[in-house]
């Protein structure tokens, strides 16, 4: 885990890191990905999102990158974010930790095999 990453990761940090795990995304892209993936259970409001993006960059889990060529910008100059190696390790460690809970629920026959 990254020295800057809290253990466990706050749920919204995990969701933000997960949103950029497979591609660079801007703030709106992150908000949309999280909202869709969580079935609407987690909505990241802009103030909360950008405050936490700044903290994730400061802690070395994300970096700001140039917009990819041809990216939709909606008229502005969106900031794109990319997962760092430390961010990938922190996200993977949190996923493993959560998977352990799922496995415990499976052993207690709360879930189907």
PDB file of N, CA and C in Angstrom:
ATOM      1  N   UNK A   1       0.858  -1.184   0.000  1.00  0.00           N
ATOM      2  CA  UNK A   1       0.000   0.000   0.000  1.00  0.00           C
ATOM      3  C   UNK A   1       0.892   1.230   0.000  1.00  0.00           C
ATOM      4  N   UNK A   2       0.404   2.287  -0.556  1.00  0.00           N
ATOM      5  CA  UNK A   2       1.158   3.532  -0.592  1.00  0.00           C
ATOM      6  C   UNK A   2       1.297   4.108   0.804  1.00  0.00           C
ATOM      7  N   UNK A   3       2.459   4.755   1.099  1.00  0.00           N
ATOM      8  CA  UNK A   3       2.593   5.391   2.412  1.00  0.00           C
ATOM      9  C   UNK A   3       1.528   6.462   2.637  1.00  0.00           C
ATOM     10  N   UNK A   4       1.017   7.090   1.566  1.00  0.00           N
ATOM     11  CA  UNK A   4       0.020   8.138   1.699  1.00  0.00           C
ATOM     12  C   UNK A   4      -1.404   7.642   1.728  1.00  0.00           C
ATOM     13  N   UNK A   5      -1.608   6.348   1.506  1.00  0.00           N
ATOM     14  CA  UNK A   5      -2.964   5.813   1.422  1.00  0.00           C
ATOM     15  C   UNK A   5      -3.422   5.325   2.789  1.00  0.00           C
ATOM     16  N   UNK A   6      -4.572   5.823   3.263  1.00  0.00           N
ATOM     17  CA  UNK A   6      -5.098   5.316   4.524  1.00  0.00           C
ATOM     18  C   UNK A   6      -5.592   3.884   4.357  1.00  0.00           C
ATOM     19  N   UNK A   7      -5.580   3.137   5.445  1.00  0.00           N
ATOM     20  CA  UNK A   7      -6.073   1.754   5.422  1.00  0.00           C
ATOM     21  C   UNK A   7      -7.216   1.650   6.423  1.00  0.00           C
ATOM     22  N   UNK A   8      -8.371   1.181   6.061  1.00  0.00           N
ATOM     23  CA  UNK A   8      -8.799   0.959   4.685  1.00  0.00           C
ATOM     24  C   UNK A   8      -9.012   2.286   3.956  1.00  0.00           C
ATOM     25  N   UNK A   9      -9.084   2.207   2.634  1.00  0.00           N
ATOM     26  CA  UNK A   9      -9.366   3.422   1.864  1.00  0.00           C
ATOM     27  C   UNK A   9     -10.784   3.887   2.149  1.00  0.00           C
ATOM     28  N   UNK A  10     -11.004   5.187   2.247  1.00  0.00           N
ATOM     29  CA  UNK A  10     -12.391   5.663   2.317  1.00  0.00           C
ATOM     30  C   UNK A  10     -13.146   5.167   1.077  1.00  0.00           C
ATOM     31  N   UNK A  11     -14.415   4.782   1.225  1.00  0.00           N
ATOM     32  CA  UNK A  11     -15.157   4.222   0.087  1.00  0.00           C
ATOM     33  C   UNK A  11     -15.139   5.110  -1.160  1.00  0.00           C
ATOM     34  N   UNK A  12     -15.233   6.434  -0.993  1.00  0.00           N
ATOM     35  CA  UNK A  12     -15.237   7.290  -2.176  1.00  0.00           C
ATOM     36  C   UNK A  12     -13.851   7.339  -2.828  1.00  0.00           C
ATOM     37  N   UNK A  13     -12.787   7.198  -2.074  1.00  0.00           N
ATOM     38  CA  UNK A  13     -11.439   7.119  -2.665  1.00  0.00           C
ATOM     39  C   UNK A  13     -11.313   5.848  -3.498  1.00  0.00           C
ATOM     40  N   UNK A  14     -11.778   4.739  -2.937  1.00  0.00           N
ATOM     41  CA  UNK A  14     -11.719   3.472  -3.676  1.00  0.00           C
ATOM     42  C   UNK A  14     -12.480   3.601  -4.992  1.00  0.00           C
ATOM     43  N   UNK A  15     -13.673   4.191  -4.957  1.00  0.00           N
ATOM     44  CA  UNK A  15     -14.475   4.325  -6.176  1.00  0.00           C
ATOM     45  C   UNK A  15     -13.798   5.253  -7.198  1.00  0.00           C
ATOM     46  N   UNK A  16     -13.178   6.319  -6.737  1.00  0.00           N
ATOM     47  CA  UNK A  16     -12.473   7.230  -7.655  1.00  0.00           C
ATOM     48  C   UNK A  16     -11.290   6.502  -8.305  1.00  0.00           C
ATOM     49  N   UNK A  17     -10.502   5.798  -7.500  1.00  0.00           N
ATOM     50  CA  UNK A  17      -9.354   5.073  -8.052  1.00  0.00           C
ATOM     51  C   UNK A  17      -9.819   3.997  -9.023  1.00  0.00           C
ATOM     52  N   UNK A  18     -10.901   3.319  -8.684  1.00  0.00           N
ATOM     53  CA  UNK A  18     -11.455   2.286  -9.562  1.00  0.00           C
ATOM     54  C   UNK A  18     -11.908   2.889 -10.900  1.00  0.00           C
ATOM     55  N   UNK A  19     -12.443   4.110 -10.856  1.00  0.00           N
ATOM     56  CA  UNK A  19     -12.936   4.767 -12.075  1.00  0.00           C
ATOM     57  C   UNK A  19     -11.817   5.051 -13.068  1.00  0.00           C
ATOM     58  N   UNK A  20     -10.604   5.280 -12.571  1.00  0.00           N
ATOM     59  CA  UNK A  20      -9.488   5.599 -13.485  1.00  0.00           C
ATOM     60  C   UNK A  20      -8.532   4.419 -13.649  1.00  0.00           C
ATOM     61  N   UNK A  21      -8.901   3.254 -13.137  1.00  0.00           N
ATOM     62  CA  UNK A  21      -8.010   2.087 -13.200  1.00  0.00           C
ATOM     63  C   UNK A  21      -7.781   1.615 -14.629  1.00  0.00           C
ATOM     64  N   UNK A  22      -8.766   1.783 -15.500  1.00  0.00           N
ATOM     65  CA  UNK A  22      -8.623   1.271 -16.866  1.00  0.00           C
ATOM     66  C   UNK A  22      -8.443   2.355 -17.911  1.00  0.00           C
ATOM     67  N   UNK A  23      -8.662   3.615 -17.547  1.00  0.00           N
ATOM     68  CA  UNK A  23      -8.457   4.707 -18.504  1.00  0.00           C
ATOM     69  C   UNK A  23      -8.416   6.038 -17.773  1.00  0.00           C
ATOM     70  N   UNK A  24      -7.717   7.000 -18.375  1.00  0.00           N
ATOM     71  CA  UNK A  24      -7.694   8.355 -17.818  1.00  0.00           C
ATOM     72  C   UNK A  24      -9.099   8.933 -17.940  1.00  0.00           C
ATOM     73  N   UNK A  25      -9.525   9.645 -16.923  1.00  0.00           N
ATOM     74  CA  UNK A  25     -10.862  10.256 -16.956  1.00  0.00           C
ATOM     75  C   UNK A  25     -10.801  11.660 -16.365  1.00  0.00           C
ATOM     76  N   UNK A  26     -11.728  12.506 -16.800  1.00  0.00           N
ATOM     77  CA  UNK A  26     -11.888  13.822 -16.196  1.00  0.00           C
ATOM     78  C   UNK A  26     -12.964  13.728 -15.119  1.00  0.00           C
ATOM     79  N   UNK A  27     -13.165  14.820 -14.393  1.00  0.00           N
ATOM     80  CA  UNK A  27     -14.071  14.799 -13.255  1.00  0.00           C
ATOM     81  C   UNK A  27     -15.460  14.292 -13.575  1.00  0.00           C
ATOM     82  N   UNK A  28     -16.066  14.799 -14.640  1.00  0.00           N
ATOM     83  CA  UNK A  28     -17.416  14.356 -14.991  1.00  0.00           C
ATOM     84  C   UNK A  28     -17.422  12.874 -15.335  1.00  0.00           C
ATOM     85  N   UNK A  29     -16.379  12.411 -16.039  1.00  0.00           N
ATOM     86  CA  UNK A  29     -16.270  10.995 -16.373  1.00  0.00           C
ATOM     87  C   UNK A  29     -16.170  10.135 -15.124  1.00  0.00           C
ATOM     88  N   UNK A  30     -15.430  10.613 -14.129  1.00  0.00           N
ATOM     89  CA  UNK A  30     -15.303   9.882 -12.866  1.00  0.00           C
ATOM     90  C   UNK A  30     -16.659   9.842 -12.161  1.00  0.00           C
ATOM     91  N   UNK A  31     -17.329  10.996 -12.075  1.00  0.00           N
ATOM     92  CA  UNK A  31     -18.634  11.046 -11.400  1.00  0.00           C
ATOM     93  C   UNK A  31     -19.620  10.097 -12.070  1.00  0.00           C
ATOM     94  N   UNK A  32     -19.660  10.094 -13.404  1.00  0.00           N
ATOM     95  CA  UNK A  32     -20.587   9.246 -14.149  1.00  0.00           C
ATOM     96  C   UNK A  32     -20.265   7.767 -13.943  1.00  0.00           C
ATOM     97  N   UNK A  33     -18.975   7.419 -14.017  1.00  0.00           N
ATOM     98  CA  UNK A  33     -18.570   6.020 -13.842  1.00  0.00           C
ATOM     99  C   UNK A  33     -18.966   5.515 -12.457  1.00  0.00           C
ATOM    100  N   UNK A  34     -18.687   6.300 -11.440  1.00  0.00           N
ATOM    101  CA  UNK A  34     -19.005   5.884 -10.065  1.00  0.00           C
ATOM    102  C   UNK A  34     -20.521   5.748  -9.887  1.00  0.00           C
ATOM    103  N   UNK A  35     -21.264   6.716 -10.380  1.00  0.00           N
ATOM    104  CA  UNK A  35     -22.717   6.680 -10.245  1.00  0.00           C
ATOM    105  C   UNK A  35     -23.299   5.436 -10.923  1.00  0.00           C
ATOM    106  N   UNK A  36     -22.832   5.133 -12.150  1.00  0.00           N
ATOM    107  CA  UNK A  36     -23.347   3.961 -12.881  1.00  0.00           C
ATOM    108  C   UNK A  36     -22.915   2.659 -12.218  1.00  0.00           C
ATOM    109  N   UNK A  37     -21.640   2.563 -11.844  1.00  0.00           N
ATOM    110  CA  UNK A  37     -21.115   1.313 -11.284  1.00  0.00           C
ATOM    111  C   UNK A  37     -21.728   0.986  -9.934  1.00  0.00           C
ATOM    112  N   UNK A  38     -22.096   2.017  -9.162  1.00  0.00           N
ATOM    113  CA  UNK A  38     -22.682   1.773  -7.835  1.00  0.00           C
ATOM    114  C   UNK A  38     -24.211   1.751  -7.892  1.00  0.00           C
ATOM    115  N   UNK A  39     -24.762   1.772  -9.081  1.00  0.00           N
ATOM    116  CA  UNK A  39     -26.216   1.745  -9.211  1.00  0.00           C
ATOM    117  C   UNK A  39     -26.881   2.952  -8.561  1.00  0.00           C
ATOM    118  N   UNK A  40     -26.183   4.077  -8.553  1.00  0.00           N
ATOM    119  CA  UNK A  40     -26.711   5.308  -7.988  1.00  0.00           C
ATOM    120  C   UNK A  40     -26.506   5.431  -6.480  1.00  0.00           C
ATOM    121  N   UNK A  41     -25.889   4.429  -5.869  1.00  0.00           N
ATOM    122  CA  UNK A  41     -25.700   4.449  -4.410  1.00  0.00           C
ATOM    123  C   UNK A  41     -24.654   5.470  -3.977  1.00  0.00           C
ATOM    124  N   UNK A  42     -23.696   5.794  -4.859  1.00  0.00           N
ATOM    125  CA  UNK A  42     -22.676   6.777  -4.491  1.00  0.00           C
ATOM    126  C   UNK A  42     -22.644   7.884  -5.535  1.00  0.00           C
ATOM    127  N   UNK A  43     -23.075   9.052  -5.140  1.00  0.00           N
ATOM    128  CA  UNK A  43     -23.019  10.216  -6.020  1.00  0.00           C
ATOM    129  C   UNK A  43     -21.940  11.141  -5.481  1.00  0.00           C
ATOM    130  N   UNK A  44     -20.956  11.448  -6.325  1.00  0.00           N
ATOM    131  CA  UNK A  44     -19.868  12.336  -5.943  1.00  0.00           C
ATOM    132  C   UNK A  44     -20.218  13.736  -6.423  1.00  0.00           C
ATOM    133  N   UNK A  45     -20.529  14.611  -5.497  1.00  0.00           N
ATOM    134  CA  UNK A  45     -20.835  15.990  -5.859  1.00  0.00           C
ATOM    135  C   UNK A  45     -19.536  16.690  -6.245  1.00  0.00           C
ATOM    136  N   UNK A  46     -19.594  17.688  -7.135  1.00  0.00           N
ATOM    137  CA  UNK A  46     -18.353  18.319  -7.623  1.00  0.00           C
ATOM    138  C   UNK A  46     -17.417  18.805  -6.520  1.00  0.00           C
ATOM    139  N   UNK A  47     -17.927  19.471  -5.501  1.00  0.00           N
ATOM    140  CA  UNK A  47     -17.053  19.970  -4.442  1.00  0.00           C
ATOM    141  C   UNK A  47     -16.317  18.837  -3.739  1.00  0.00           C
ATOM    142  N   UNK A  48     -17.045  17.785  -3.453  1.00  0.00           N
ATOM    143  CA  UNK A  48     -16.440  16.617  -2.790  1.00  0.00           C
ATOM    144  C   UNK A  48     -15.436  15.946  -3.716  1.00  0.00           C
ATOM    145  N   UNK A  49     -15.823  15.776  -4.982  1.00  0.00           N
ATOM    146  CA  UNK A  49     -14.935  15.098  -5.931  1.00  0.00           C
ATOM    147  C   UNK A  49     -13.621  15.848  -6.081  1.00  0.00           C
ATOM    148  N   UNK A  50     -13.690  17.139  -6.360  1.00  0.00           N
ATOM    149  CA  UNK A  50     -12.450  17.875  -6.653  1.00  0.00           C
ATOM    150  C   UNK A  50     -11.587  18.054  -5.409  1.00  0.00           C
ATOM    151  N   UNK A  51     -12.184  18.157  -4.247  1.00  0.00           N
ATOM    152  CA  UNK A  51     -11.402  18.208  -3.001  1.00  0.00           C
ATOM    153  C   UNK A  51     -10.641  16.896  -2.825  1.00  0.00           C
ATOM    154  N   UNK A  52     -11.312  15.773  -3.089  1.00  0.00           N
ATOM    155  CA  UNK A  52     -10.673  14.467  -2.927  1.00  0.00           C
ATOM    156  C   UNK A  52      -9.692  14.164  -4.051  1.00  0.00           C
ATOM    157  N   UNK A  53      -9.965  14.634  -5.271  1.00  0.00           N
ATOM    158  CA  UNK A  53      -8.975  14.466  -6.345  1.00  0.00           C
ATOM    159  C   UNK A  53      -7.678  15.179  -5.964  1.00  0.00           C
ATOM    160  N   UNK A  54      -7.798  16.369  -5.400  1.00  0.00           N
ATOM    161  CA  UNK A  54      -6.607  17.097  -4.966  1.00  0.00           C
ATOM    162  C   UNK A  54      -5.833  16.327  -3.903  1.00  0.00           C
ATOM    163  N   UNK A  55      -6.552  15.714  -2.977  1.00  0.00           N
ATOM    164  CA  UNK A  55      -5.905  14.937  -1.918  1.00  0.00           C
ATOM    165  C   UNK A  55      -5.243  13.683  -2.493  1.00  0.00           C
ATOM    166  N   UNK A  56      -5.909  13.033  -3.440  1.00  0.00           N
ATOM    167  CA  UNK A  56      -5.338  11.829  -4.059  1.00  0.00           C
ATOM    168  C   UNK A  56      -4.083  12.165  -4.864  1.00  0.00           C
ATOM    169  N   UNK A  57      -4.084  13.324  -5.521  1.00  0.00           N
ATOM    170  CA  UNK A  57      -2.883  13.772  -6.246  1.00  0.00           C
ATOM    171  C   UNK A  57      -1.775  14.086  -5.236  1.00  0.00           C
ATOM    172  N   UNK A  58      -2.131  14.809  -4.187  1.00  0.00           N
ATOM    173  CA  UNK A  58      -1.153  15.182  -3.145  1.00  0.00           C
ATOM    174  C   UNK A  58      -0.518  13.940  -2.504  1.00  0.00           C
ATOM    175  N   UNK A  59      -1.299  12.888  -2.341  1.00  0.00           N
ATOM    176  CA  UNK A  59      -0.798  11.654  -1.725  1.00  0.00           C
ATOM    177  C   UNK A  59      -0.120  10.723  -2.732  1.00  0.00           C
ATOM    178  N   UNK A  60      -0.060  11.136  -4.000  1.00  0.00           N
ATOM    179  CA  UNK A  60       0.658  10.347  -5.007  1.00  0.00           C
ATOM    180  C   UNK A  60      -0.104   9.159  -5.551  1.00  0.00           C
ATOM    181  N   UNK A  61      -1.428   9.128  -5.361  1.00  0.00           N
ATOM    182  CA  UNK A  61      -2.212   8.008  -5.865  1.00  0.00           C
ATOM    183  C   UNK A  61      -2.758   8.287  -7.266  1.00  0.00           C
ATOM    184  N   UNK A  62      -2.871   9.554  -7.629  1.00  0.00           N
ATOM    185  CA  UNK A  62      -3.294   9.980  -8.971  1.00  0.00           C
ATOM    186  C   UNK A  62      -2.338  11.055  -9.459  1.00  0.00           C
ATOM    187  N   UNK A  63      -2.261  11.203 -10.781  1.00  0.00           N
ATOM    188  CA  UNK A  63      -1.565  12.342 -11.376  1.00  0.00           C
ATOM    189  C   UNK A  63      -2.504  12.981 -12.393  1.00  0.00           C
ATOM    190  N   UNK A  64      -2.332  14.280 -12.560  1.00  0.00           N
ATOM    191  CA  UNK A  64      -3.098  14.988 -13.583  1.00  0.00           C
ATOM    192  C   UNK A  64      -2.343  14.853 -14.890  1.00  0.00           C
ATOM    193  N   UNK A  65      -3.053  14.553 -15.975  1.00  0.00           N
ATOM    194  CA  UNK A  65      -2.431  14.358 -17.280  1.00  0.00           C
ATOM    195  C   UNK A  65      -3.154  15.197 -18.323  1.00  0.00           C
ATOM    196  N   UNK A  66      -2.507  15.373 -19.471  1.00  0.00           N
ATOM    197  CA  UNK A  66      -3.123  16.087 -20.582  1.00  0.00           C
ATOM    198  C   UNK A  66      -4.328  15.306 -21.093  1.00  0.00           C
ATOM    199  N   UNK A  67      -5.309  16.024 -21.613  1.00  0.00           N
ATOM    200  CA  UNK A  67      -6.476  15.384 -22.205  1.00  0.00           C
ATOM    201  C   UNK A  67      -6.042  14.578 -23.427  1.00  0.00           C
ATOM    202  N   UNK A  68      -6.567  13.364 -23.573  1.00  0.00           N
ATOM    203  CA  UNK A  68      -6.236  12.577 -24.760  1.00  0.00           C
ATOM    204  C   UNK A  68      -6.753  13.279 -26.017  1.00  0.00           C
ATOM    205  N   UNK A  69      -6.074  13.066 -27.148  1.00  0.00           N
ATOM    206  CA  UNK A  69      -6.508  13.663 -28.418  1.00  0.00           C
ATOM    207  C   UNK A  69      -7.932  13.225 -28.718  1.00  0.00           C
ATOM    208  N   UNK A  70      -8.767  14.176 -29.084  1.00  0.00           N
ATOM    209  CA  UNK A  70     -10.141  13.872 -29.454  1.00  0.00           C
ATOM    210  C   UNK A  70     -11.082  13.700 -28.278  1.00  0.00           C
ATOM    211  N   UNK A  71     -10.611  13.993 -27.075  1.00  0.00           N
ATOM    212  CA  UNK A  71     -11.471  13.836 -25.904  1.00  0.00           C
ATOM    213  C   UNK A  71     -12.597  14.862 -25.924  1.00  0.00           C
ATOM    214  N   UNK A  72     -13.791  14.431 -25.487  1.00  0.00           N
ATOM    215  CA  UNK A  72     -14.917  15.354 -25.379  1.00  0.00           C
ATOM    216  C   UNK A  72     -14.633  16.298 -24.223  1.00  0.00           C
ATOM    217  N   UNK A  73     -14.797  17.590 -24.467  1.00  0.00           N
ATOM    218  CA  UNK A  73     -14.455  18.555 -23.436  1.00  0.00           C
ATOM    219  C   UNK A  73     -15.647  19.364 -22.940  1.00  0.00           C
ATOM    220  N   UNK A  74     -16.774  19.306 -23.593  1.00  0.00           N
ATOM    221  CA  UNK A  74     -17.962  20.076 -23.204  1.00  0.00           C
ATOM    222  C   UNK A  74     -17.646  21.567 -23.113  1.00  0.00           C
ATOM    223  N   UNK A  75     -16.734  22.024 -23.947  1.00  0.00           N
ATOM    224  CA  UNK A  75     -16.457  23.452 -24.030  1.00  0.00           C
ATOM    225  C   UNK A  75     -15.344  23.950 -23.149  1.00  0.00           C
ATOM    226  N   UNK A  76     -14.977  23.248 -22.120  1.00  0.00           N
ATOM    227  CA  UNK A  76     -13.933  23.705 -21.212  1.00  0.00           C
ATOM    228  C   UNK A  76     -12.625  22.994 -21.455  1.00  0.00           C
ATOM    229  N   UNK A  77     -11.730  23.108 -20.504  1.00  0.00           N
ATOM    230  CA  UNK A  77     -10.448  22.399 -20.554  1.00  0.00           C
ATOM    231  C   UNK A  77     -10.422  21.455 -19.357  1.00  0.00           C
ATOM    232  N   UNK A  78     -11.025  20.277 -19.534  1.00  0.00           N
ATOM    233  CA  UNK A  78     -11.136  19.365 -18.398  1.00  0.00           C
ATOM    234  C   UNK A  78      -9.775  18.825 -17.961  1.00  0.00           C
ATOM    235  N   UNK A  79      -9.651  18.589 -16.680  1.00  0.00           N
ATOM    236  CA  UNK A  79      -8.452  17.971 -16.132  1.00  0.00           C
ATOM    237  C   UNK A  79      -8.663  16.463 -16.137  1.00  0.00           C
ATOM    238  N   UNK A  80      -7.704  15.761 -16.688  1.00  0.00           N
ATOM    239  CA  UNK A  80      -7.764  14.301 -16.709  1.00  0.00           C
ATOM    240  C   UNK A  80      -6.842  13.759 -15.626  1.00  0.00           C
ATOM    241  N   UNK A  81      -7.235  12.619 -15.089  1.00  0.00           N
ATOM    242  CA  UNK A  81      -6.476  11.991 -14.007  1.00  0.00           C
ATOM    243  C   UNK A  81      -6.107  10.576 -14.395  1.00  0.00           C
ATOM    244  N   UNK A  82      -4.913  10.165 -13.929  1.00  0.00           N
ATOM    245  CA  UNK A  82      -4.392   8.820 -14.204  1.00  0.00           C
ATOM    246  C   UNK A  82      -3.941   8.197 -12.888  1.00  0.00           C
ATOM    247  N   UNK A  83      -4.193   6.908 -12.775  1.00  0.00           N
ATOM    248  CA  UNK A  83      -3.759   6.148 -11.610  1.00  0.00           C
ATOM    249  C   UNK A  83      -2.235   6.013 -11.641  1.00  0.00           C
ATOM    250  N   UNK A  84      -1.583   6.240 -10.522  1.00  0.00           N
ATOM    251  CA  UNK A  84      -0.137   6.010 -10.412  1.00  0.00           C
ATOM    252  C   UNK A  84       0.091   4.555  -9.983  1.00  0.00           C
ATOM    253  N   UNK A  85       1.341   4.136  -9.978  1.00  0.00           N
ATOM    254  CA  UNK A  85       1.658   2.780  -9.497  1.00  0.00           C
ATOM    255  C   UNK A  85       1.229   2.636  -8.040  1.00  0.00           C
ATOM    256  N   UNK A  86       1.466   3.677  -7.233  1.00  0.00           N
ATOM    257  CA  UNK A  86       1.046   3.629  -5.824  1.00  0.00           C
ATOM    258  C   UNK A  86      -0.479   3.577  -5.721  1.00  0.00           C
ATOM    259  N   UNK A  87      -1.170   4.313  -6.601  1.00  0.00           N
ATOM    260  CA  UNK A  87      -2.628   4.283  -6.611  1.00  0.00           C
ATOM    261  C   UNK A  87      -3.161   2.918  -7.005  1.00  0.00           C
ATOM    262  N   UNK A  88      -2.485   2.283  -7.963  1.00  0.00           N
ATOM    263  CA  UNK A  88      -2.906   0.935  -8.386  1.00  0.00           C
ATOM    264  C   UNK A  88      -2.718  -0.052  -7.227  1.00  0.00           C
ATOM    265  N   UNK A  89      -1.601   0.053  -6.518  1.00  0.00           N
ATOM    266  CA  UNK A  89      -1.372  -0.852  -5.376  1.00  0.00           C
ATOM    267  C   UNK A  89      -2.417  -0.614  -4.288  1.00  0.00           C
ATOM    268  N   UNK A  90      -2.728   0.654  -4.001  1.00  0.00           N
ATOM    269  CA  UNK A  90      -3.710   0.972  -2.961  1.00  0.00           C
ATOM    270  C   UNK A  90      -5.096   0.465  -3.354  1.00  0.00           C
ATOM    271  N   UNK A  91      -5.471   0.650  -4.616  1.00  0.00           N
ATOM    272  CA  UNK A  91      -6.790   0.201  -5.094  1.00  0.00           C
ATOM    273  C   UNK A  91      -6.872  -1.326  -5.060  1.00  0.00           C
ATOM    274  N   UNK A  92      -5.807  -2.001  -5.499  1.00  0.00           N
ATOM    275  CA  UNK A  92      -5.788  -3.469  -5.493  1.00  0.00           C
ATOM    276  C   UNK A  92      -5.841  -4.002  -4.066  1.00  0.00           C
ATOM    277  N   UNK A  93      -5.113  -3.370  -3.146  1.00  0.00           N
ATOM    278  CA  UNK A  93      -5.118  -3.820  -1.751  1.00  0.00           C
ATOM    279  C   UNK A  93      -6.514  -3.671  -1.152  1.00  0.00           C
ATOM    280  N   UNK A  94      -7.192  -2.572  -1.468  1.00  0.00           N
ATOM    281  CA  UNK A  94      -8.556  -2.382  -0.957  1.00  0.00           C
ATOM    282  C   UNK A  94      -9.507  -3.402  -1.568  1.00  0.00           C
ATOM    283  N   UNK A  95      -9.361  -3.685  -2.858  1.00  0.00           N
ATOM    284  CA  UNK A  95     -10.210  -4.698  -3.503  1.00  0.00           C
ATOM    285  C   UNK A  95      -9.989  -6.064  -2.851  1.00  0.00           C
ATOM    286  N   UNK A  96      -8.728  -6.401  -2.545  1.00  0.00           N
ATOM    287  CA  UNK A  96      -8.433  -7.682  -1.872  1.00  0.00           C
ATOM    288  C   UNK A  96      -9.073  -7.714  -0.486  1.00  0.00           C
ATOM    289  N   UNK A  97      -8.988  -6.586   0.236  1.00  0.00           N
ATOM    290  CA  UNK A  97      -9.580  -6.520   1.566  1.00  0.00           C
ATOM    291  C   UNK A  97     -11.097  -6.737   1.490  1.00  0.00           C
ATOM    292  N   UNK A  98     -11.746  -6.093   0.529  1.00  0.00           N
ATOM    293  CA  UNK A  98     -13.192  -6.245   0.371  1.00  0.00           C
ATOM    294  C   UNK A  98     -13.557  -7.657  -0.092  1.00  0.00           C
ATOM    295  N   UNK A  99     -12.723  -8.235  -0.961  1.00  0.00           N
ATOM    296  CA  UNK A  99     -12.966  -9.605  -1.425  1.00  0.00           C
ATOM    297  C   UNK A  99     -12.918 -10.579  -0.251  1.00  0.00           C
ATOM    298  N   UNK A 100     -12.088 -10.293   0.739  1.00  0.00           N
ATOM    299  CA  UNK A 100     -12.028 -11.133   1.934  1.00  0.00           C
ATOM    300  C   UNK A 100     -13.361 -11.153   2.668  1.00  0.00           C
ATOM    301  N   UNK A 101     -14.042 -10.016   2.708  1.00  0.00           N
ATOM    302  CA  UNK A 101     -15.367  -9.971   3.341  1.00  0.00           C
ATOM    303  C   UNK A 101     -16.381 -10.790   2.548  1.00  0.00           C
ATOM    304  N   UNK A 102     -16.301 -10.711   1.229  1.00  0.00           N
ATOM    305  CA  UNK A 102     -17.207 -11.489   0.383  1.00  0.00           C
ATOM    306  C   UNK A 102     -16.961 -12.978   0.607  1.00  0.00           C
ATOM    307  N   UNK A 103     -15.688 -13.371   0.700  1.00  0.00           N
ATOM    308  CA  UNK A 103     -15.364 -14.775   0.939  1.00  0.00           C
ATOM    309  C   UNK A 103     -15.890 -15.231   2.307  1.00  0.00           C
ATOM    310  N   UNK A 104     -15.790 -14.379   3.305  1.00  0.00           N
ATOM    311  CA  UNK A 104     -16.325 -14.723   4.628  1.00  0.00           C
ATOM    312  C   UNK A 104     -17.839 -14.915   4.550  1.00  0.00           C
ATOM    313  N   UNK A 105     -18.522 -14.060   3.830  1.00  0.00           N
ATOM    314  CA  UNK A 105     -19.981 -14.195   3.665  1.00  0.00           C
ATOM    315  C   UNK A 105     -20.310 -15.475   2.915  1.00  0.00           C
ATOM    316  N   UNK A 106     -19.454 -15.840   1.954  1.00  0.00           N
ATOM    317  CA  UNK A 106     -19.682 -17.078   1.194  1.00  0.00           C
ATOM    318  C   UNK A 106     -19.502 -18.293   2.117  1.00  0.00           C
ATOM    319  N   UNK A 107     -18.476 -18.279   2.958  1.00  0.00           N
ATOM    320  CA  UNK A 107     -18.249 -19.396   3.886  1.00  0.00           C
ATOM    321  C   UNK A 107     -19.409 -19.535   4.870  1.00  0.00           C
ATOM    322  N   UNK A 108     -20.048 -18.442   5.205  1.00  0.00           N
ATOM    323  CA  UNK A 108     -21.188 -18.489   6.125  1.00  0.00           C
ATOM    324  C   UNK A 108     -22.496 -18.745   5.392  1.00  0.00           C
ATOM    325  N   UNK A 109     -22.360 -19.100   4.119  1.00  0.00           N
ATOM    326  CA  UNK A 109     -23.500 -19.485   3.274  1.00  0.00           C
ATOM    327  C   UNK A 109     -24.529 -18.360   3.121  1.00  0.00           C
ATOM    328  N   UNK A 110     -24.027 -17.131   3.157  1.00  0.00           N
ATOM    329  CA  UNK A 110     -24.908 -15.994   2.893  1.00  0.00           C
ATOM    330  C   UNK A 110     -25.000 -15.714   1.400  1.00  0.00           C
ATOM    331  N   UNK A 111     -24.018 -16.230   0.651  1.00  0.00           N
ATOM    332  CA  UNK A 111     -23.984 -16.058  -0.800  1.00  0.00           C
ATOM    333  C   UNK A 111     -23.967 -17.422  -1.460  1.00  0.00           C
ATOM    334  N   UNK A 112     -24.455 -17.467  -2.673  1.00  0.00           N
ATOM    335  CA  UNK A 112     -24.358 -18.703  -3.447  1.00  0.00           C
ATOM    336  C   UNK A 112     -22.909 -18.853  -3.889  1.00  0.00           C
ATOM    337  N   UNK A 113     -22.481 -20.070  -4.057  1.00  0.00           N
ATOM    338  CA  UNK A 113     -21.093 -20.356  -4.458  1.00  0.00           C
ATOM    339  C   UNK A 113     -20.765 -19.531  -5.658  1.00  0.00           C
TER     340      UNK A 113
END
